[in-house]
Amino acid sequence: MSGISPLALSDLAVLGALSTVDGLDGEQVGKVVAAPPIGPGMTLTDDAVRRILIRLEARGLAENHSRGWQLTKRGRTLWATKGGRFTL
C-alpha cells in the first residue's frame, strides 16, 4: 500500500478548477471552486487553496508556471479517468 493519502474533496475541487482553465493563480482557483459552471461549489480560503496546490504539486498533479498553475500530464490523466465521478 502506498504512503500517499487519497485525495480529499477539496483537492478534487482544485483539480477540477485547473482542468477548466489553464494558468490560474491561487486566488483565481478559489473563485472557480466557489462558483463553478455547474454544481453548488465550495468555499476555500486563499490559504487552503495554496496548501492544496502545494500538495498537488508534491504529488506531481499540478505545477506552477509563469502563466500560473496548470495540471501536469499525470493530473490531466487522473482528472480524465476519475474527475467524471466528481461534479465541481
PDB file of N, CA and C in Angstrom:
ATOM      1  N   MET A   1       0.840  -1.181   0.000  1.00  0.00           N
ATOM      2  CA  MET A   1       0.000   0.000   0.000  1.00  0.00           C
ATOM      3  C   MET A   1       0.884   1.244   0.000  1.00  0.00           C
ATOM      4  N   SER A   2       0.501   2.211  -0.751  1.00  0.00           N
ATOM      5  CA  SER A   2       1.262   3.453  -0.877  1.00  0.00           C
ATOM      6  C   SER A   2       1.103   4.317   0.366  1.00  0.00           C
ATOM      7  N   GLY A   3       2.113   5.140   0.643  1.00  0.00           N
ATOM      8  CA  GLY A   3       2.061   6.038   1.780  1.00  0.00           C
ATOM      9  C   GLY A   3       1.333   7.338   1.480  1.00  0.00           C
ATOM     10  N   ILE A   4       0.790   7.460   0.276  1.00  0.00           N
ATOM     11  CA  ILE A   4       0.093   8.686  -0.112  1.00  0.00           C
ATOM     12  C   ILE A   4      -1.381   8.553   0.244  1.00  0.00           C
ATOM     13  N   SER A   5      -1.904   9.547   0.949  1.00  0.00           N
ATOM     14  CA  SER A   5      -3.311   9.514   1.321  1.00  0.00           C
ATOM     15  C   SER A   5      -4.181   9.818   0.106  1.00  0.00           C
ATOM     16  N   PRO A   6      -5.434   9.356   0.127  1.00  0.00           N
ATOM     17  CA  PRO A   6      -6.323   9.635  -1.002  1.00  0.00           C
ATOM     18  C   PRO A   6      -6.620  11.131  -1.110  1.00  0.00           C
ATOM     19  N   LEU A   7      -7.045  11.531  -2.285  1.00  0.00           N
ATOM     20  CA  LEU A   7      -7.387  12.938  -2.497  1.00  0.00           C
ATOM     21  C   LEU A   7      -8.658  13.286  -1.736  1.00  0.00           C
ATOM     22  N   ALA A   8      -8.658  14.441  -1.114  1.00  0.00           N
ATOM     23  CA  ALA A   8      -9.835  14.940  -0.412  1.00  0.00           C
ATOM     24  C   ALA A   8     -10.764  15.627  -1.407  1.00  0.00           C
ATOM     25  N   LEU A   9     -11.984  15.856  -0.999  1.00  0.00           N
ATOM     26  CA  LEU A   9     -12.960  16.539  -1.841  1.00  0.00           C
ATOM     27  C   LEU A   9     -12.443  17.911  -2.274  1.00  0.00           C
ATOM     28  N   SER A  10     -11.790  18.623  -1.365  1.00  0.00           N
ATOM     29  CA  SER A  10     -11.247  19.941  -1.712  1.00  0.00           C
ATOM     30  C   SER A  10     -10.120  19.824  -2.735  1.00  0.00           C
ATOM     31  N   ASP A  11      -9.323  18.750  -2.660  1.00  0.00           N
ATOM     32  CA  ASP A  11      -8.275  18.515  -3.659  1.00  0.00           C
ATOM     33  C   ASP A  11      -8.905  18.331  -5.037  1.00  0.00           C
ATOM     34  N   LEU A  12      -9.974  17.546  -5.084  1.00  0.00           N
ATOM     35  CA  LEU A  12     -10.672  17.318  -6.352  1.00  0.00           C
ATOM     36  C   LEU A  12     -11.285  18.603  -6.890  1.00  0.00           C
ATOM     37  N   ALA A  13     -11.767  19.460  -5.998  1.00  0.00           N
ATOM     38  CA  ALA A  13     -12.326  20.739  -6.438  1.00  0.00           C
ATOM     39  C   ALA A  13     -11.253  21.589  -7.108  1.00  0.00           C
ATOM     40  N   VAL A  14     -10.067  21.610  -6.539  1.00  0.00           N
ATOM     41  CA  VAL A  14      -8.969  22.384  -7.124  1.00  0.00           C
ATOM     42  C   VAL A  14      -8.517  21.746  -8.438  1.00  0.00           C
ATOM     43  N   LEU A  15      -8.425  20.418  -8.490  1.00  0.00           N
ATOM     44  CA  LEU A  15      -8.097  19.746  -9.753  1.00  0.00           C
ATOM     45  C   LEU A  15      -9.123  20.095 -10.826  1.00  0.00           C
ATOM     46  N   GLY A  16     -10.394  20.103 -10.440  1.00  0.00           N
ATOM     47  CA  GLY A  16     -11.452  20.447 -11.390  1.00  0.00           C
ATOM     48  C   GLY A  16     -11.327  21.865 -11.898  1.00  0.00           C
ATOM     49  N   ALA A  17     -10.975  22.781 -11.004  1.00  0.00           N
ATOM     50  CA  ALA A  17     -10.789  24.176 -11.421  1.00  0.00           C
ATOM     51  C   ALA A  17      -9.634  24.285 -12.403  1.00  0.00           C
ATOM     52  N   LEU A  18      -8.541  23.582 -12.121  1.00  0.00           N
ATOM     53  CA  LEU A  18      -7.385  23.628 -13.017  1.00  0.00           C
ATOM     54  C   LEU A  18      -7.681  22.947 -14.347  1.00  0.00           C
ATOM     55  N   SER A  19      -8.571  21.960 -14.345  1.00  0.00           N
ATOM     56  CA  SER A  19      -8.915  21.301 -15.606  1.00  0.00           C
ATOM     57  C   SER A  19      -9.799  22.187 -16.470  1.00  0.00           C
ATOM     58  N   THR A  20     -10.477  23.140 -15.843  1.00  0.00           N
ATOM     59  CA  THR A  20     -11.362  24.047 -16.567  1.00  0.00           C
ATOM     60  C   THR A  20     -10.580  25.104 -17.323  1.00  0.00           C
ATOM     61  N   VAL A  21      -9.571  25.667 -16.673  1.00  0.00           N
ATOM     62  CA  VAL A  21      -8.784  26.753 -17.263  1.00  0.00           C
ATOM     63  C   VAL A  21      -7.318  26.529 -16.928  1.00  0.00           C
ATOM     64  N   ASP A  22      -6.448  26.612 -17.916  1.00  0.00           N
ATOM     65  CA  ASP A  22      -5.007  26.518 -17.677  1.00  0.00           C
ATOM     66  C   ASP A  22      -4.466  27.874 -17.255  1.00  0.00           C
ATOM     67  N   GLY A  23      -3.540  27.887 -16.327  1.00  0.00           N
ATOM     68  CA  GLY A  23      -2.846  29.108 -15.955  1.00  0.00           C
ATOM     69  C   GLY A  23      -3.596  29.989 -14.982  1.00  0.00           C
ATOM     70  N   LEU A  24      -4.076  29.412 -13.890  1.00  0.00           N
ATOM     71  CA  LEU A  24      -4.764  30.186 -12.858  1.00  0.00           C
ATOM     72  C   LEU A  24      -3.821  30.463 -11.703  1.00  0.00           C
ATOM     73  N   ASP A  25      -3.960  31.653 -11.085  1.00  0.00           N
ATOM     74  CA  ASP A  25      -3.229  31.867  -9.841  1.00  0.00           C
ATOM     75  C   ASP A  25      -4.113  31.360  -8.703  1.00  0.00           C
ATOM     76  N   GLY A  26      -3.571  31.314  -7.500  1.00  0.00           N
ATOM     77  CA  GLY A  26      -4.295  30.754  -6.366  1.00  0.00           C
ATOM     78  C   GLY A  26      -5.632  31.417  -6.108  1.00  0.00           C
ATOM     79  N   GLU A  27      -5.688  32.732  -6.214  1.00  0.00           N
ATOM     80  CA  GLU A  27      -6.939  33.459  -5.973  1.00  0.00           C
ATOM     81  C   GLU A  27      -7.987  33.087  -7.021  1.00  0.00           C
ATOM     82  N   GLN A  28      -7.569  32.969  -8.272  1.00  0.00           N
ATOM     83  CA  GLN A  28      -8.498  32.592  -9.337  1.00  0.00           C
ATOM     84  C   GLN A  28      -9.009  31.168  -9.147  1.00  0.00           C
ATOM     85  N   VAL A  29      -8.139  30.272  -8.688  1.00  0.00           N
ATOM     86  CA  VAL A  29      -8.568  28.899  -8.422  1.00  0.00           C
ATOM     87  C   VAL A  29      -9.685  28.911  -7.390  1.00  0.00           C
ATOM     88  N   GLY A  30      -9.513  29.682  -6.322  1.00  0.00           N
ATOM     89  CA  GLY A  30     -10.541  29.787  -5.286  1.00  0.00           C
ATOM     90  C   GLY A  30     -11.861  30.288  -5.826  1.00  0.00           C
ATOM     91  N   LYS A  31     -11.823  31.229  -6.766  1.00  0.00           N
ATOM     92  CA  LYS A  31     -13.056  31.762  -7.360  1.00  0.00           C
ATOM     93  C   LYS A  31     -13.750  30.723  -8.227  1.00  0.00           C
ATOM     94  N   VAL A  32     -12.986  29.952  -8.997  1.00  0.00           N
ATOM     95  CA  VAL A  32     -13.586  28.906  -9.835  1.00  0.00           C
ATOM     96  C   VAL A  32     -14.202  27.819  -8.965  1.00  0.00           C
ATOM     97  N   VAL A  33     -13.525  27.455  -7.876  1.00  0.00           N
ATOM     98  CA  VAL A  33     -14.052  26.448  -6.961  1.00  0.00           C
ATOM     99  C   VAL A  33     -15.344  26.943  -6.318  1.00  0.00           C
ATOM    100  N   ALA A  34     -15.411  28.226  -5.981  1.00  0.00           N
ATOM    101  CA  ALA A  34     -16.589  28.789  -5.311  1.00  0.00           C
ATOM    102  C   ALA A  34     -17.778  28.955  -6.250  1.00  0.00           C
ATOM    103  N   ALA A  35     -17.522  29.208  -7.523  1.00  0.00           N
ATOM    104  CA  ALA A  35     -18.616  29.446  -8.477  1.00  0.00           C
ATOM    105  C   ALA A  35     -18.363  28.665  -9.764  1.00  0.00           C
ATOM    106  N   PRO A  36     -18.457  27.336  -9.697  1.00  0.00           N
ATOM    107  CA  PRO A  36     -18.196  26.532 -10.884  1.00  0.00           C
ATOM    108  C   PRO A  36     -19.329  26.656 -11.900  1.00  0.00           C
ATOM    109  N   PRO A  37     -19.079  26.222 -13.149  1.00  0.00           N
ATOM    110  CA  PRO A  37     -20.117  26.285 -14.170  1.00  0.00           C
ATOM    111  C   PRO A  37     -21.357  25.471 -13.799  1.00  0.00           C
ATOM    112  N   ILE A  38     -21.166  24.339 -13.115  1.00  0.00           N
ATOM    113  CA  ILE A  38     -22.293  23.532 -12.646  1.00  0.00           C
ATOM    114  C   ILE A  38     -22.014  23.104 -11.218  1.00  0.00           C
ATOM    115  N   GLY A  39     -23.041  22.764 -10.487  1.00  0.00           N
ATOM    116  CA  GLY A  39     -22.858  22.297  -9.117  1.00  0.00           C
ATOM    117  C   GLY A  39     -22.874  23.435  -8.117  1.00  0.00           C
ATOM    118  N   PRO A  40     -22.899  23.084  -6.833  1.00  0.00           N
ATOM    119  CA  PRO A  40     -23.027  24.090  -5.783  1.00  0.00           C
ATOM    120  C   PRO A  40     -21.756  24.853  -5.455  1.00  0.00           C
ATOM    121  N   GLY A  41     -20.603  24.311  -5.774  1.00  0.00           N
ATOM    122  CA  GLY A  41     -19.356  24.993  -5.442  1.00  0.00           C
ATOM    123  C   GLY A  41     -18.903  24.692  -4.031  1.00  0.00           C
ATOM    124  N   MET A  42     -17.769  25.262  -3.681  1.00  0.00           N
ATOM    125  CA  MET A  42     -17.149  25.026  -2.386  1.00  0.00           C
ATOM    126  C   MET A  42     -16.364  26.277  -2.020  1.00  0.00           C
ATOM    127  N   THR A  43     -16.439  26.694  -0.785  1.00  0.00           N
ATOM    128  CA  THR A  43     -15.694  27.861  -0.343  1.00  0.00           C
ATOM    129  C   THR A  43     -14.384  27.416   0.289  1.00  0.00           C
ATOM    130  N   LEU A  44     -13.281  27.908  -0.271  1.00  0.00           N
ATOM    131  CA  LEU A  44     -11.954  27.629   0.265  1.00  0.00           C
ATOM    132  C   LEU A  44     -11.233  28.952   0.480  1.00  0.00           C
ATOM    133  N   THR A  45     -10.538  29.076   1.590  1.00  0.00           N
ATOM    134  CA  THR A  45      -9.747  30.283   1.822  1.00  0.00           C
ATOM    135  C   THR A  45      -8.542  30.274   0.884  1.00  0.00           C
ATOM    136  N   ASP A  46      -7.951  31.444   0.684  1.00  0.00           N
ATOM    137  CA  ASP A  46      -6.749  31.530  -0.151  1.00  0.00           C
ATOM    138  C   ASP A  46      -5.643  30.640   0.408  1.00  0.00           C
ATOM    139  N   ASP A  47      -5.536  30.595   1.742  1.00  0.00           N
ATOM    140  CA  ASP A  47      -4.519  29.766   2.382  1.00  0.00           C
ATOM    141  C   ASP A  47      -4.771  28.281   2.113  1.00  0.00           C
ATOM    142  N   ALA A  48      -6.036  27.870   2.173  1.00  0.00           N
ATOM    143  CA  ALA A  48      -6.375  26.470   1.895  1.00  0.00           C
ATOM    144  C   ALA A  48      -6.050  26.117   0.448  1.00  0.00           C
ATOM    145  N   VAL A  49      -6.377  27.005  -0.482  1.00  0.00           N
ATOM    146  CA  VAL A  49      -6.069  26.766  -1.897  1.00  0.00           C
ATOM    147  C   VAL A  49      -4.561  26.641  -2.082  1.00  0.00           C
ATOM    148  N   ARG A  50      -3.812  27.512  -1.449  1.00  0.00           N
ATOM    149  CA  ARG A  50      -2.350  27.485  -1.552  1.00  0.00           C
ATOM    150  C   ARG A  50      -1.793  26.146  -1.036  1.00  0.00           C
ATOM    151  N   ARG A  51      -2.299  25.690   0.112  1.00  0.00           N
ATOM    152  CA  ARG A  51      -1.850  24.404   0.671  1.00  0.00           C
ATOM    153  C   ARG A  51      -2.202  23.240  -0.256  1.00  0.00           C
ATOM    154  N   ILE A  52      -3.401  23.279  -0.822  1.00  0.00           N
ATOM    155  CA  ILE A  52      -3.830  22.213  -1.733  1.00  0.00           C
ATOM    156  C   ILE A  52      -2.963  22.204  -2.984  1.00  0.00           C
ATOM    157  N   LEU A  53      -2.690  23.382  -3.544  1.00  0.00           N
ATOM    158  CA  LEU A  53      -1.852  23.455  -4.742  1.00  0.00           C
ATOM    159  C   LEU A  53      -0.456  22.899  -4.469  1.00  0.00           C
ATOM    160  N   ILE A  54       0.100  23.216  -3.310  1.00  0.00           N
ATOM    161  CA  ILE A  54       1.422  22.700  -2.944  1.00  0.00           C
ATOM    162  C   ILE A  54       1.372  21.181  -2.793  1.00  0.00           C
ATOM    163  N   ARG A  55       0.302  20.678  -2.188  1.00  0.00           N
ATOM    164  CA  ARG A  55       0.140  19.227  -2.026  1.00  0.00           C
ATOM    165  C   ARG A  55      -0.003  18.543  -3.392  1.00  0.00           C
ATOM    166  N   LEU A  56      -0.788  19.141  -4.290  1.00  0.00           N
ATOM    167  CA  LEU A  56      -0.952  18.574  -5.631  1.00  0.00           C
ATOM    168  C   LEU A  56       0.360  18.622  -6.411  1.00  0.00           C
ATOM    169  N   GLU A  57       1.130  19.691  -6.209  1.00  0.00           N
ATOM    170  CA  GLU A  57       2.432  19.803  -6.868  1.00  0.00           C
ATOM    171  C   GLU A  57       3.375  18.701  -6.362  1.00  0.00           C
ATOM    172  N   ALA A  58       3.362  18.453  -5.066  1.00  0.00           N
ATOM    173  CA  ALA A  58       4.219  17.415  -4.489  1.00  0.00           C
ATOM    174  C   ALA A  58       3.863  16.028  -5.021  1.00  0.00           C
ATOM    175  N   ARG A  59       2.603  15.836  -5.383  1.00  0.00           N
ATOM    176  CA  ARG A  59       2.159  14.552  -5.934  1.00  0.00           C
ATOM    177  C   ARG A  59       2.348  14.469  -7.444  1.00  0.00           C
ATOM    178  N   GLY A  60       2.838  15.548  -8.042  1.00  0.00           N
ATOM    179  CA  GLY A  60       3.053  15.547  -9.485  1.00  0.00           C
ATOM    180  C   GLY A  60       1.786  15.741 -10.289  1.00  0.00           C
ATOM    181  N   LEU A  61       0.750  16.316  -9.680  1.00  0.00           N
ATOM    182  CA  LEU A  61      -0.527  16.504 -10.364  1.00  0.00           C
ATOM    183  C   LEU A  61      -0.709  17.917 -10.903  1.00  0.00           C
ATOM    184  N   ALA A  62      -0.004  18.882 -10.334  1.00  0.00           N
ATOM    185  CA  ALA A  62      -0.102  20.282 -10.768  1.00  0.00           C
ATOM    186  C   ALA A  62       1.283  20.905 -10.689  1.00  0.00           C
ATOM    187  N   GLU A  63       1.474  21.948 -11.480  1.00  0.00           N
ATOM    188  CA  GLU A  63       2.749  22.664 -11.437  1.00  0.00           C
ATOM    189  C   GLU A  63       2.506  24.141 -11.673  1.00  0.00           C
ATOM    190  N   ASN A  64       3.396  24.941 -11.105  1.00  0.00           N
ATOM    191  CA  ASN A  64       3.279  26.390 -11.209  1.00  0.00           C
ATOM    192  C   ASN A  64       4.243  26.888 -12.277  1.00  0.00           C
ATOM    193  N   HIS A  65       3.692  27.517 -13.296  1.00  0.00           N
ATOM    194  CA  HIS A  65       4.476  28.096 -14.385  1.00  0.00           C
ATOM    195  C   HIS A  65       4.368  29.611 -14.308  1.00  0.00           C
ATOM    196  N   SER A  66       5.053  30.286 -15.181  1.00  0.00           N
ATOM    197  CA  SER A  66       4.961  31.751 -15.226  1.00  0.00           C
ATOM    198  C   SER A  66       3.537  32.201 -15.555  1.00  0.00           C
ATOM    199  N   ARG A  67       2.766  31.352 -16.236  1.00  0.00           N
ATOM    200  CA  ARG A  67       1.375  31.684 -16.580  1.00  0.00           C
ATOM    201  C   ARG A  67       0.402  31.308 -15.477  1.00  0.00           C
ATOM    202  N   GLY A  68       0.893  30.674 -14.427  1.00  0.00           N
ATOM    203  CA  GLY A  68       0.031  30.266 -13.325  1.00  0.00           C
ATOM    204  C   GLY A  68       0.020  28.758 -13.155  1.00  0.00           C
ATOM    205  N   TRP A  69      -0.886  28.267 -12.329  1.00  0.00           N
ATOM    206  CA  TRP A  69      -0.982  26.844 -12.018  1.00  0.00           C
ATOM    207  C   TRP A  69      -1.649  26.096 -13.158  1.00  0.00           C
ATOM    208  N   GLN A  70      -1.108  24.920 -13.450  1.00  0.00           N
ATOM    209  CA  GLN A  70      -1.645  24.061 -14.501  1.00  0.00           C
ATOM    210  C   GLN A  70      -1.575  22.612 -14.050  1.00  0.00           C
ATOM    211  N   LEU A  71      -2.442  21.786 -14.616  1.00  0.00           N
ATOM    212  CA  LEU A  71      -2.346  20.352 -14.376  1.00  0.00           C
ATOM    213  C   LEU A  71      -1.167  19.792 -15.160  1.00  0.00           C
ATOM    214  N   THR A  72      -0.493  18.838 -14.578  1.00  0.00           N
ATOM    215  CA  THR A  72       0.546  18.110 -15.302  1.00  0.00           C
ATOM    216  C   THR A  72      -0.149  17.053 -16.160  1.00  0.00           C
ATOM    217  N   LYS A  73       0.628  16.352 -16.965  1.00  0.00           N
ATOM    218  CA  LYS A  73       0.054  15.266 -17.767  1.00  0.00           C
ATOM    219  C   LYS A  73      -0.594  14.238 -16.840  1.00  0.00           C
ATOM    220  N   ARG A  74       0.077  13.944 -15.742  1.00  0.00           N
ATOM    221  CA  ARG A  74      -0.467  12.997 -14.763  1.00  0.00           C
ATOM    222  C   ARG A  74      -1.775  13.520 -14.154  1.00  0.00           C
ATOM    223  N   GLY A  75      -1.814  14.820 -13.861  1.00  0.00           N
ATOM    224  CA  GLY A  75      -3.025  15.422 -13.316  1.00  0.00           C
ATOM    225  C   GLY A  75      -4.178  15.392 -14.306  1.00  0.00           C
ATOM    226  N   ARG A  76      -3.882  15.674 -15.575  1.00  0.00           N
ATOM    227  CA  ARG A  76      -4.927  15.623 -16.611  1.00  0.00           C
ATOM    228  C   ARG A  76      -5.449  14.199 -16.788  1.00  0.00           C
ATOM    229  N   THR A  77      -4.532  13.227 -16.736  1.00  0.00           N
ATOM    230  CA  THR A  77      -4.940  11.828 -16.866  1.00  0.00           C
ATOM    231  C   THR A  77      -5.822  11.417 -15.696  1.00  0.00           C
ATOM    232  N   LEU A  78      -5.420  11.790 -14.490  1.00  0.00           N
ATOM    233  CA  LEU A  78      -6.223  11.477 -13.305  1.00  0.00           C
ATOM    234  C   LEU A  78      -7.605  12.096 -13.419  1.00  0.00           C
ATOM    235  N   TRP A  79      -7.672  13.368 -13.811  1.00  0.00           N
ATOM    236  CA  TRP A  79      -8.962  14.037 -13.912  1.00  0.00           C
ATOM    237  C   TRP A  79      -9.815  13.385 -15.001  1.00  0.00           C
ATOM    238  N   ALA A  80      -9.204  12.994 -16.107  1.00  0.00           N
ATOM    239  CA  ALA A  80      -9.953  12.368 -17.204  1.00  0.00           C
ATOM    240  C   ALA A  80     -10.547  11.023 -16.782  1.00  0.00           C
ATOM    241  N   THR A  81      -9.844  10.290 -15.928  1.00  0.00           N
ATOM    242  CA  THR A  81     -10.336   8.976 -15.523  1.00  0.00           C
ATOM    243  C   THR A  81     -11.218   9.015 -14.281  1.00  0.00           C
ATOM    244  N   LYS A  82     -10.949   9.923 -13.369  1.00  0.00           N
ATOM    245  CA  LYS A  82     -11.680   9.947 -12.099  1.00  0.00           C
ATOM    246  C   LYS A  82     -12.571  11.176 -11.926  1.00  0.00           C
ATOM    247  N   GLY A  83     -12.278  12.244 -12.637  1.00  0.00           N
ATOM    248  CA  GLY A  83     -12.989  13.502 -12.432  1.00  0.00           C
ATOM    249  C   GLY A  83     -14.455  13.456 -12.783  1.00  0.00           C
ATOM    250  N   GLY A  84     -14.838  12.556 -13.686  1.00  0.00           N
ATOM    251  CA  GLY A  84     -16.241  12.443 -14.065  1.00  0.00           C
ATOM    252  C   GLY A  84     -17.136  12.029 -12.908  1.00  0.00           C
ATOM    253  N   ARG A  85     -16.539  11.410 -11.901  1.00  0.00           N
ATOM    254  CA  ARG A  85     -17.313  10.996 -10.720  1.00  0.00           C
ATOM    255  C   ARG A  85     -17.574  12.160  -9.773  1.00  0.00           C
ATOM    256  N   PHE A  86     -16.880  13.241 -10.002  1.00  0.00           N
ATOM    257  CA  PHE A  86     -16.958  14.397  -9.110  1.00  0.00           C
ATOM    258  C   PHE A  86     -17.506  15.585  -9.874  1.00  0.00           C
ATOM    259  N   THR A  87     -18.608  16.141  -9.417  1.00  0.00           N
ATOM    260  CA  THR A  87     -19.179  17.324 -10.050  1.00  0.00           C
ATOM    261  C   THR A  87     -18.743  18.541  -9.277  1.00  0.00           C
ATOM    262  N   LEU A  88     -17.998  19.396  -9.935  1.00  0.00           N
ATOM    263  CA  LEU A  88     -17.498  20.618  -9.307  1.00  0.00           C
ATOM    264  C   LEU A  88     -18.639  21.556  -9.040  1.00  0.00           C
TER     265      LEU A  88
END
